[in-house]
Protein backbone atom coordinates (compact mmCIF):
# COMPACT_ATOMS: atom_id res chain seq x y z
CA MET A 1 -11.52 -3.31 5.67
CA LYS A 2 -10.26 -0.22 3.85
CA LEU A 3 -6.92 1.52 4.29
CA ASN A 4 -5.84 4.98 3.30
CA LEU A 5 -2.14 4.92 2.40
CA LEU A 6 -0.97 8.39 3.37
CA SER A 7 2.71 8.64 2.53
CA CYS A 8 5.99 6.79 2.27
CA GLU A 9 8.66 7.87 4.74
CA ALA A 10 11.40 5.55 3.44
CA GLN A 11 14.71 7.23 2.59
CA LYS A 12 14.92 5.41 -0.75
CA PRO A 13 11.52 3.83 -1.46
CA ASN A 14 11.61 0.56 -3.36
CA ARG A 15 8.90 1.03 -6.00
CA ARG A 16 8.83 -2.62 -6.98
CA ALA A 17 8.46 -3.84 -3.38
CA ILE A 18 5.73 -1.29 -2.63
CA ALA A 19 3.77 -2.23 -5.77
CA LYS A 20 4.12 -5.92 -4.98
CA CYS A 21 2.91 -5.33 -1.41
CA ILE A 22 -0.10 -3.31 -2.59
CA ALA A 23 -1.03 -6.02 -5.11
CA GLU A 24 -0.71 -8.77 -2.47
CA ILE A 25 -2.70 -7.14 0.32
CA SER A 26 -5.43 -5.55 -1.82
CA ALA A 27 -8.67 -7.28 -2.68
CA ASN A 28 -9.16 -5.76 -6.13
CA VAL A 29 -5.79 -4.44 -7.35
CA ASP A 30 -3.71 -6.17 -10.00
CA GLU A 31 0.02 -5.59 -10.57
CA SER A 32 -0.34 -2.85 -13.20
CA LEU A 33 -2.76 -0.88 -11.05
CA ALA A 34 -0.47 -1.39 -8.06
CA VAL A 35 2.39 0.22 -10.02
CA GLU A 36 0.17 3.23 -10.79
CA LEU A 37 -0.96 3.50 -7.17
CA THR A 38 2.66 3.33 -6.02
CA ALA A 39 3.57 6.24 -8.29
CA ILE A 40 0.65 8.27 -6.92
CA LEU A 41 1.66 7.47 -3.33
CA LEU A 42 5.30 8.41 -3.91
CA GLU A 43 4.24 11.71 -5.51
CA GLY A 44 2.64 12.61 -2.18
CA ASP A 45 -1.04 11.84 -2.71
CA ALA A 46 -3.01 9.45 -0.51
CA VAL A 47 -4.28 6.16 -1.95
CA ASP A 48 -7.32 4.17 -0.77
CA ILE A 49 -7.25 0.38 -1.01
CA GLU A 50 -9.54 -2.39 0.17
CA LEU A 51 -7.71 -5.14 2.02
CA ASN A 52 -7.93 -8.78 1.13
CA GLU A 53 -9.41 -10.35 4.29
CA LYS A 54 -6.87 -13.18 4.20
CA LYS A 55 -3.95 -10.71 4.22
CA SER A 56 -5.31 -8.18 6.70
CA SER A 57 -3.30 -9.47 9.66
CA SER A 58 0.06 -9.17 7.91
CA ALA A 59 -0.72 -6.01 5.93
CA ALA A 60 0.18 -3.58 8.71
CA ARG A 61 3.54 -5.25 9.31
CA GLU A 62 4.39 -5.23 5.59
CA LEU A 63 3.42 -1.56 5.19
CA ARG A 64 5.47 -0.50 8.23
CA LYS A 65 8.47 -2.43 6.91
CA LEU A 66 8.26 -0.40 3.67
CA GLY A 67 7.92 2.90 5.56
CA ILE A 68 4.31 3.53 4.49
CA ASP A 69 2.07 5.53 6.82
CA TYR A 70 -1.58 4.51 6.70
CA GLU A 71 -4.90 4.91 8.47
CA ILE A 72 -7.75 2.46 8.79
CA ILE A 73 -10.96 3.78 7.23
CA GLU A 74 -13.37 0.96 8.15
């Protein structure tokens, strides 16, 4: 399943927590790439990630907790 991370609505976004979340729920993203994707997301651009099937059930809850808006692509 693919997600499009649209924006972060958190008042004070926690970059480290967002990067850690992206690295944990993504199938093919390591920590350094997650940090780069977090920077792109916080600058206002959308980011596409492919979910790790084992983490797909908890991914939505984790993203909402961090204030990240997303849409399911497939």
